[in-house]
Amino acid sequence: MLFSCSETGIEFSSVTIDGGGDGDDVDTTSEVYFTYKVYERTIFRDNWIVIHDENGEILDYTRYENGDELIFEKDISLLTDNISVTLFTHSSFGLNQNFKLLTTLNIPIGTVWDNEPIEPTFSNPIGNFDLTLSNMPEIIGLYVSNENSLVSSGAYTGTPIGATDTYNYTIDQMLVYPENEYFITFIEDNEDFKYHFLEEVQDGDDFMIDYSEFQFFDNYLDVDLPASSYYHFWVNGFEDYQELNDENGYVLGDAHYTEDGYMNEYLDRNPLRIGYLNRFDFYRTELDVIMGSGTYIYNYKKVGDQSTSINIPDRPLYSTVDNSIQNFDFTVDVNYDNYTAYWESDIGTYDIDFVKTKWDVTNPSDSNYFYGVLPDALFLLYLGLDISNLLLEEIDFNLNVEEKIKLAI
């Protein structure tokens, strides 16, 4: 492999950036074994990609920028069935340095990474409207949304109505969008979420909605929570013409119950109840359950139909056999699709010679771990790079497409 080390980096004969001609002159013994179309943020930092074969031998490495299309090819006889890909970034702020490495193992040759992000679309507001909720109990959390996203939320302060433990809540100058159907939902003490729809909202409207106009959801999912656990759940509903993503959708529910006391009095409930309306075509349901002061976290995420059951597993029995990146090995008593292990180190004194290094490695469960050393040229270019002090901090197991568990080590 031809390369030269200089202030501008390394040059290679086997990497094509932004295309490689019309293909008429391609050597028939050569094979394109990996393609990476870059969409990530790359400004204010150096960005490298390093590729190893499944024996840990370096195949290629090069710098890249946002917008590049990197095409890697090599003689077929020099390739293995799988490769590993490491994205390496370096940034600095003053006298402090930051290294971040993301490695994915056991990638079949011929793979194309083309994860162009889908940007959510948001309309511009066309006016304002006012909203008053009357004869309400004390509201713990109020959410107003349209199909695009959350419009307003918070723990609002109501005006007491005599001595009846009821309140009026006024929210002025809420934005009107072309998508002018609004969904209002709230949670109250010892009750489930309730909702009300506002249709055809226009600029200048002033709505007065009485508590009696709010309804319970059509269906509820009860989730049994482990003892002494905390949670955050959120549910969004989508019409059939909408793009399902993490930004858009009507907010059907959103609640935190946290160790620091936020909303403790009202949201310490077991089972947890998650509500659905049948009028939506699709849903995004997500739940985090935090146990053991954050040393064990269960995450559930489903996009599609209503969730009909969520069963939170006990903390698995995990043991590290070898916690080094080079020979990482462990035992665990759960089945999983893949895992990501996280290593980290902080070296030196801040604003003098501080270096932070993070290395995350993702690996499928049905393959052997393999590791390749970083190119010497990177250590020559970045004198602060030191991976000898990395400590294993966390390992995440993707149990299936919907469930993930996080273990602090």
Protein backbone atom coordinates (compact mmCIF):
# COMPACT_ATOMS: atom_id res chain seq x y z
CA MET A 1 0.00 0.00 0.00
CA LEU A 2 1.45 3.36 -0.99
CA PHE A 3 1.24 6.11 1.61
CA SER A 4 3.13 9.16 2.69
CA CYS A 5 2.95 10.88 6.06
CA SER A 6 2.84 14.67 5.95
CA GLU A 7 1.04 17.65 7.46
CA THR A 8 -1.85 17.01 5.11
CA GLY A 9 -2.22 13.33 6.06
CA ILE A 10 -1.85 10.10 4.11
CA GLU A 11 -2.30 9.39 0.42
CA PHE A 12 -3.39 6.01 -0.94
CA SER A 13 -3.55 4.22 -4.25
CA SER A 14 -6.54 2.03 -3.31
CA VAL A 15 -9.15 4.60 -2.25
CA THR A 16 -11.37 6.55 -4.62
CA ILE A 17 -13.07 9.68 -3.31
CA ASP A 18 -16.20 11.05 -5.01
CA GLY A 19 -16.34 8.41 -7.69
CA GLY A 20 -13.78 6.46 -9.67
CA GLY A 21 -14.34 7.01 -13.40
CA ASP A 22 -16.66 5.14 -15.70
CA GLY A 23 -15.34 1.71 -14.71
CA ASP A 24 -13.89 0.76 -18.11
CA ASP A 25 -10.35 0.50 -16.77
CA VAL A 26 -11.09 -1.45 -13.58
CA ASP A 27 -8.72 -4.37 -12.98
CA THR A 28 -10.78 -7.58 -13.16
CA THR A 29 -8.85 -8.98 -10.17
CA SER A 30 -9.89 -6.01 -8.04
CA GLU A 31 -13.09 -5.86 -6.00
CA VAL A 32 -14.88 -2.95 -4.34
CA TYR A 33 -15.16 -4.23 -0.80
CA PHE A 34 -16.61 -1.20 1.01
CA THR A 35 -18.29 2.12 0.17
CA TYR A 36 -18.91 4.94 2.62
CA LYS A 37 -21.05 7.96 1.76
CA VAL A 38 -20.32 10.60 4.37
CA TYR A 39 -23.18 12.60 5.87
CA GLU A 40 -21.77 13.21 9.34
CA ARG A 41 -20.62 16.53 10.77
CA THR A 42 -16.89 16.85 10.10
CA ILE A 43 -16.02 20.52 10.60
CA PHE A 44 -13.62 21.62 13.36
CA ARG A 45 -12.08 18.16 13.60
CA ASP A 46 -9.95 15.64 11.71
CA ASN A 47 -11.83 12.62 10.41
CA TRP A 48 -10.35 9.27 9.41
CA ILE A 49 -11.62 5.86 8.40
CA VAL A 50 -9.56 2.73 9.10
CA ILE A 51 -10.47 -0.68 7.66
CA HIS A 52 -9.15 -4.06 8.87
CA ASP A 53 -9.73 -7.54 7.52
CA GLU A 54 -11.05 -10.25 9.82
CA ASN A 55 -7.50 -11.21 10.77
CA GLY A 56 -6.81 -7.72 12.08
CA GLU A 57 -4.63 -6.67 9.13
CA ILE A 58 -5.01 -3.08 7.89
CA LEU A 59 -6.61 -2.88 4.43
CA ASP A 60 -6.86 0.91 4.05
CA TYR A 61 -7.20 4.17 5.88
CA THR A 62 -7.76 7.75 4.77
CA ARG A 63 -9.10 11.14 5.81
CA TYR A 64 -12.60 12.19 4.82
CA GLU A 65 -15.00 15.13 4.96
CA ASN A 66 -18.76 15.55 4.89
CA GLY A 67 -20.06 14.91 1.37
CA ASP A 68 -17.29 12.48 0.36
CA GLU A 69 -18.05 9.12 -1.18
CA LEU A 70 -15.21 6.73 -0.34
CA ILE A 71 -14.86 3.65 -2.51
CA PHE A 72 -12.40 1.02 -1.28
CA GLU A 73 -11.16 -1.71 -3.57
CA LYS A 74 -8.39 -4.30 -3.48
CA ASP A 75 -7.19 -7.47 -5.15
CA ILE A 76 -9.66 -10.26 -4.40
CA SER A 77 -6.91 -12.53 -3.14
CA LEU A 78 -6.13 -10.06 -0.34
CA LEU A 79 -9.68 -9.89 1.02
CA THR A 80 -11.45 -11.85 3.74
CA ASP A 81 -15.20 -12.42 3.92
CA ASN A 82 -15.65 -9.72 6.58
CA ILE A 83 -14.03 -6.44 7.53
CA SER A 84 -14.09 -4.04 10.45
CA VAL A 85 -14.55 -0.29 9.98
CA THR A 86 -13.32 2.33 12.46
CA LEU A 87 -14.31 5.99 12.24
CA PHE A 88 -11.63 8.01 14.01
CA THR A 89 -12.00 11.69 14.91
CA HIS A 90 -9.68 14.15 16.61
CA SER A 91 -10.63 17.57 17.91
CA SER A 92 -8.90 20.07 20.16
CA PHE A 93 -9.95 23.03 22.27
CA GLY A 94 -7.12 25.04 23.68
CA LEU A 95 -4.59 22.64 25.19
CA ASN A 96 -7.18 19.86 25.47
CA GLN A 97 -7.54 17.00 22.98
CA ASN A 98 -10.44 14.68 22.26
CA PHE A 99 -10.27 11.36 20.40
CA LYS A 100 -13.42 9.44 19.43
CA LEU A 101 -13.35 6.02 17.77
CA LEU A 102 -16.38 4.09 16.54
CA THR A 103 -15.67 0.54 15.36
CA THR A 104 -18.12 -1.85 13.72
CA LEU A 105 -16.91 -5.43 13.36
CA ASN A 106 -17.76 -8.27 11.02
CA ILE A 107 -19.12 -6.25 8.11
CA PRO A 108 -19.54 -8.36 4.94
CA ILE A 109 -17.38 -7.21 2.04
CA GLY A 110 -19.33 -5.28 -0.57
CA THR A 111 -21.29 -3.38 2.08
CA VAL A 112 -22.37 0.20 1.31
CA TRP A 113 -22.90 2.68 4.13
CA ASP A 114 -25.35 5.23 2.74
CA ASN A 115 -27.29 6.44 5.75
CA GLU A 116 -28.49 9.74 4.38
CA PRO A 117 -30.50 11.32 7.20
CA ILE A 118 -34.17 12.07 6.68
CA GLU A 119 -34.65 15.66 7.70
CA PRO A 120 -37.99 16.28 9.40
CA THR A 121 -40.09 18.97 7.74
CA PHE A 122 -41.64 21.74 9.79
CA SER A 123 -44.07 24.33 8.52
CA ASN A 124 -43.86 28.03 9.29
CA PRO A 125 -46.47 29.40 11.72
CA ILE A 126 -49.37 31.37 10.23
CA GLY A 127 -50.75 32.99 13.39
CA ASN A 128 -51.57 32.56 17.05
CA PHE A 129 -54.43 31.34 19.23
CA ASP A 130 -55.29 31.46 22.93
CA LEU A 131 -56.32 28.50 25.08
CA THR A 132 -58.07 28.37 28.44
CA LEU A 133 -58.70 25.12 30.32
CA SER A 134 -61.42 25.56 32.94
CA ASN A 135 -62.51 23.64 36.05
CA MET A 136 -59.37 21.54 35.89
CA PRO A 137 -57.66 19.52 38.62
CA GLU A 138 -54.02 20.31 39.33
CA ILE A 139 -52.21 19.51 36.09
CA ILE A 140 -48.92 17.66 36.41
CA GLY A 141 -47.90 17.84 32.76
CA LEU A 142 -49.71 19.39 29.80
CA TYR A 143 -48.82 18.72 26.14
CA VAL A 144 -50.22 20.44 23.05
CA SER A 145 -49.11 19.09 19.66
CA ASN A 146 -50.03 18.88 16.01
CA GLU A 147 -48.98 16.28 13.46
CA ASN A 148 -45.58 17.91 13.05
CA SER A 149 -44.45 17.95 16.67
CA LEU A 150 -44.90 19.27 20.17
CA VAL A 151 -46.14 22.89 20.19
CA SER A 152 -46.27 23.56 23.93
CA SER A 153 -45.57 21.62 27.11
CA GLY A 154 -44.88 22.18 30.76
CA ALA A 155 -46.13 22.20 34.32
CA TYR A 156 -48.35 25.27 34.13
CA THR A 157 -49.57 27.33 37.10
CA GLY A 158 -53.32 27.52 37.33
CA THR A 159 -55.65 30.10 38.88
CA PRO A 160 -57.58 28.55 41.82
CA ILE A 161 -61.37 28.54 41.60
CA GLY A 162 -62.57 29.29 45.12
CA ALA A 163 -61.86 26.49 47.60
CA THR A 164 -62.80 23.63 45.29
CA ASP A 165 -59.30 22.34 44.38
CA THR A 166 -60.01 23.21 40.77
CA TYR A 167 -58.14 25.64 38.52
CA ASN A 168 -58.26 27.58 35.30
CA TYR A 169 -55.20 27.44 33.06
CA THR A 170 -54.57 30.06 30.39
CA ILE A 171 -51.98 29.74 27.63
CA ASP A 172 -51.82 32.71 25.30
CA GLN A 173 -50.21 33.21 21.90
CA MET A 174 -49.82 29.59 20.92
CA LEU A 175 -48.63 29.18 17.34
CA VAL A 176 -51.03 28.24 14.56
CA TYR A 177 -49.61 26.11 11.73
CA PRO A 178 -51.10 25.02 8.40
CA GLU A 179 -51.45 21.60 10.05
CA ASN A 180 -54.12 23.09 12.29
CA GLU A 181 -55.56 20.11 14.12
CA TYR A 182 -54.26 20.11 17.70
CA PHE A 183 -54.10 17.36 20.28
CA ILE A 184 -54.16 18.30 23.97
CA THR A 185 -53.27 15.77 26.65
CA PHE A 186 -52.46 16.03 30.34
CA ILE A 187 -51.89 13.92 33.40
CA GLU A 188 -53.43 14.61 36.79
CA ASP A 189 -52.95 13.27 40.27
CA ASN A 190 -54.05 9.60 40.57
CA GLU A 191 -55.48 9.56 37.05
CA ASP A 192 -54.37 8.43 33.60
CA PHE A 193 -53.65 10.67 30.66
CA LYS A 194 -56.74 12.31 29.12
CA TYR A 195 -57.08 14.10 25.80
CA HIS A 196 -59.05 16.53 23.66
CA PHE A 197 -58.84 17.43 19.96
CA LEU A 198 -59.02 20.97 18.55
CA GLU A 199 -59.97 21.00 14.88
CA GLU A 200 -59.53 23.71 12.23
CA VAL A 201 -57.66 26.09 14.53
CA GLN A 202 -57.39 29.56 12.95
CA ASP A 203 -55.34 32.67 13.64
CA GLY A 204 -56.96 34.67 16.44
CA ASP A 205 -59.05 31.82 17.88
CA ASP A 206 -59.72 31.85 21.63
CA PHE A 207 -60.70 28.43 23.00
CA MET A 208 -62.35 27.66 26.33
CA ILE A 209 -62.31 23.92 27.13
CA ASP A 210 -63.93 22.50 30.24
CA TYR A 211 -62.50 19.54 32.12
CA SER A 212 -65.63 17.52 31.28
CA GLU A 213 -64.70 17.64 27.56
CA PHE A 214 -61.52 15.62 28.10
CA GLN A 215 -61.73 11.87 27.48
CA PHE A 216 -59.80 8.78 28.48
CA PHE A 217 -57.80 6.98 25.81
CA ASP A 218 -59.25 4.04 23.89
CA ASN A 219 -56.68 1.50 25.06
CA TYR A 220 -54.16 1.30 27.85
CA LEU A 221 -51.07 -0.85 28.20
CA ASP A 222 -50.09 -1.70 31.78
CA VAL A 223 -46.37 -2.20 32.37
CA ASP A 224 -45.18 -3.80 35.60
CA LEU A 225 -42.12 -1.94 36.87
CA PRO A 226 -39.31 -3.41 39.00
CA ALA A 227 -39.11 -2.23 42.60
CA SER A 228 -37.21 1.03 43.19
CA SER A 229 -37.07 1.85 39.49
CA TYR A 230 -37.58 5.09 37.59
CA TYR A 231 -38.85 5.69 34.10
CA HIS A 232 -39.44 7.96 31.14
CA PHE A 233 -41.97 7.05 28.48
CA TRP A 234 -43.30 8.86 25.44
CA VAL A 235 -45.78 7.92 22.74
CA ASN A 236 -46.44 9.67 19.42
CA GLY A 237 -49.25 9.00 16.94
CA PHE A 238 -48.98 9.32 13.16
CA GLU A 239 -51.43 9.56 10.30
CA ASP A 240 -50.97 7.14 7.40
CA TYR A 241 -49.46 9.83 5.14
CA GLN A 242 -46.77 10.86 7.62
CA GLU A 243 -43.10 9.89 7.75
CA LEU A 244 -42.42 7.93 10.93
CA ASN A 245 -39.41 9.45 12.68
CA ASP A 246 -38.23 10.67 16.06
CA GLU A 247 -39.25 14.30 15.52
CA ASN A 248 -42.81 14.38 14.19
CA GLY A 249 -46.15 13.06 15.37
CA TYR A 250 -48.92 13.93 17.82
CA VAL A 251 -47.76 13.60 21.45
CA LEU A 252 -50.05 11.07 23.15
CA GLY A 253 -48.06 10.88 26.36
CA ASP A 254 -44.77 11.92 27.92
CA ALA A 255 -43.88 11.39 31.57
CA HIS A 256 -40.74 11.26 33.73
CA TYR A 257 -40.42 9.69 37.13
CA THR A 258 -36.84 10.29 38.26
CA GLU A 259 -34.65 9.63 41.26
CA ASP A 260 -34.08 13.33 41.91
CA GLY A 261 -37.73 13.85 42.82
CA TYR A 262 -39.13 15.39 39.62
CA MET A 263 -42.86 14.60 39.60
CA ASN A 264 -42.30 11.89 42.24
CA GLU A 265 -45.51 12.51 44.14
CA TYR A 266 -47.74 11.96 41.15
CA LEU A 267 -45.86 9.56 38.89
CA ASP A 268 -44.74 6.94 41.40
CA ARG A 269 -47.18 4.38 40.04
CA ASN A 270 -46.98 0.68 39.33
CA PRO A 271 -48.08 -0.60 36.92
CA LEU A 272 -47.27 2.22 34.55
CA ARG A 273 -50.17 2.94 32.15
CA ILE A 274 -49.51 3.92 28.53
CA GLY A 275 -52.49 5.11 26.47
CA TYR A 276 -53.38 4.77 22.78
CA LEU A 277 -56.07 6.13 20.48
CA ASN A 278 -57.41 3.94 17.68
CA ARG A 279 -57.71 6.88 15.27
CA PHE A 280 -53.97 6.89 14.50
CA ASP A 281 -52.48 4.56 11.91
CA PHE A 282 -49.01 4.21 13.43
CA TYR A 283 -47.28 4.88 16.72
CA ARG A 284 -43.84 5.38 18.17
CA THR A 285 -43.66 3.99 21.70
CA GLU A 286 -40.51 4.39 23.76
CA LEU A 287 -39.83 3.54 27.39
CA ASP A 288 -36.68 3.81 29.51
CA VAL A 289 -36.64 2.07 32.88
CA ILE A 290 -33.71 2.99 35.14
CA MET A 291 -32.66 0.59 37.91
CA GLY A 292 -29.82 0.34 40.38
CA SER A 293 -29.08 4.10 40.38
CA GLY A 294 -28.54 3.97 36.65
CA THR A 295 -26.28 0.90 36.52
CA TYR A 296 -28.96 -1.02 34.59
CA ILE A 297 -31.26 0.60 32.02
CA TYR A 298 -33.91 -1.10 29.91
CA ASN A 299 -34.98 0.62 26.68
CA TYR A 300 -38.01 -0.32 24.62
CA LYS A 301 -38.76 1.29 21.27
CA LYS A 302 -41.42 0.22 18.79
CA VAL A 303 -42.50 2.01 15.62
CA GLY A 304 -45.67 0.73 13.96
CA ASP A 305 -48.67 -0.81 15.71
CA GLN A 306 -49.75 -0.20 19.29
CA SER A 307 -47.62 -2.07 21.80
CA THR A 308 -49.58 -4.86 23.47
CA SER A 309 -47.02 -5.95 26.07
CA ILE A 310 -43.72 -4.80 27.55
CA ASN A 311 -41.90 -7.17 29.90
CA ILE A 312 -38.87 -5.77 31.67
CA PRO A 313 -36.19 -8.43 32.23
CA ASP A 314 -34.22 -8.83 35.42
CA ARG A 315 -30.64 -7.63 35.35
CA PRO A 316 -28.67 -10.30 33.47
CA LEU A 317 -25.73 -12.16 34.97
CA TYR A 318 -22.69 -10.63 33.29
CA SER A 319 -19.01 -11.32 33.82
CA THR A 320 -15.99 -9.84 32.04
CA VAL A 321 -13.37 -12.41 31.05
CA ASP A 322 -10.98 -9.89 29.44
CA ASN A 323 -11.81 -6.17 29.41
CA SER A 324 -9.11 -5.05 26.98
CA ILE A 325 -10.08 -3.89 23.51
CA GLN A 326 -7.51 -6.22 21.97
CA ASN A 327 -8.94 -9.40 23.54
CA PHE A 328 -12.35 -8.38 24.87
CA ASP A 329 -14.36 -11.35 26.11
CA PHE A 330 -17.31 -11.82 28.48
CA THR A 331 -20.16 -14.12 29.49
CA VAL A 332 -23.82 -13.12 29.81
CA ASP A 333 -27.00 -15.14 30.32
CA VAL A 334 -29.26 -13.37 27.76
CA ASN A 335 -29.72 -13.84 24.04
CA TYR A 336 -28.94 -10.75 21.99
CA ASP A 337 -28.58 -9.63 18.38
CA ASN A 338 -25.49 -7.49 18.85
CA TYR A 339 -23.66 -5.49 21.47
CA THR A 340 -21.74 -2.25 21.80
CA ALA A 341 -18.96 -1.93 24.38
CA TYR A 342 -17.66 1.46 25.52
CA TRP A 343 -14.12 2.24 26.68
CA GLU A 344 -12.90 5.60 27.96
CA SER A 345 -9.86 7.30 29.45
CA ASP A 346 -8.99 10.78 30.74
CA ILE A 347 -5.28 11.58 30.93
CA GLY A 348 -3.44 14.72 32.01
CA THR A 349 -4.52 18.02 33.52
CA TYR A 350 -7.25 20.16 32.03
CA ASP A 351 -5.95 23.16 30.04
CA ILE A 352 -2.41 21.83 30.33
CA ASP A 353 -2.10 18.41 28.68
CA PHE A 354 -5.59 16.89 28.98
CA VAL A 355 -6.52 14.06 26.57
CA LYS A 356 -9.92 12.34 26.52
CA THR A 357 -10.30 9.15 24.49
CA LYS A 358 -13.50 7.19 23.85
CA TRP A 359 -13.69 3.98 21.84
CA ASP A 360 -17.00 2.26 21.10
CA VAL A 361 -17.06 -1.19 19.48
CA THR A 362 -20.16 -2.86 17.99
CA ASN A 363 -20.15 -6.57 17.20
CA PRO A 364 -22.78 -9.15 16.14
CA SER A 365 -23.31 -12.03 18.54
CA ASP A 366 -22.79 -14.78 15.96
CA SER A 367 -19.18 -13.99 15.09
CA ASN A 368 -15.79 -13.98 16.73
CA TYR A 369 -14.26 -10.78 17.95
CA PHE A 370 -11.29 -9.53 15.99
CA TYR A 371 -9.18 -6.46 16.54
CA GLY A 372 -6.56 -4.66 14.48
CA VAL A 373 -4.05 -2.10 15.68
CA LEU A 374 -4.34 1.51 14.51
CA PRO A 375 -1.97 2.69 11.76
CA ASP A 376 1.38 3.99 13.00
CA ALA A 377 0.80 7.15 10.96
CA LEU A 378 -2.06 8.20 13.27
CA PHE A 379 0.19 8.00 16.32
CA LEU A 380 2.79 10.09 14.46
CA LEU A 381 0.23 12.74 13.51
CA TYR A 382 -1.45 12.89 16.94
CA LEU A 383 1.18 12.65 19.63
CA GLY A 384 -1.45 12.70 22.39
CA LEU A 385 -3.12 9.51 21.12
CA ASP A 386 -2.74 6.79 23.76
CA ILE A 387 -5.07 3.78 23.95
CA SER A 388 -3.17 1.94 26.67
CA ASN A 389 -5.22 3.42 29.54
CA LEU A 390 -8.72 2.73 28.22
CA LEU A 391 -11.14 1.27 30.77
CA LEU A 392 -14.36 -0.60 29.98
CA GLU A 393 -17.25 1.57 31.23
CA GLU A 394 -20.47 0.14 29.76
CA ILE A 395 -21.87 -2.53 27.49
CA ASP A 396 -25.21 -2.33 25.65
CA PHE A 397 -27.02 -5.42 24.39
CA ASN A 398 -29.59 -5.09 21.60
CA LEU A 399 -31.85 -7.99 22.49
CA ASN A 400 -33.97 -7.58 19.35
CA VAL A 401 -35.24 -4.77 17.12
CA GLU A 402 -37.34 -3.33 19.97
CA GLU A 403 -35.42 -3.96 23.19
CA LYS A 404 -32.02 -2.92 24.50
CA ILE A 405 -30.36 -3.16 27.91
CA LYS A 406 -27.44 -1.05 29.18
CA LEU A 407 -25.06 -2.30 31.87
CA ALA A 408 -22.55 -0.14 33.71
CA ILE A 409 -19.41 -2.16 34.32
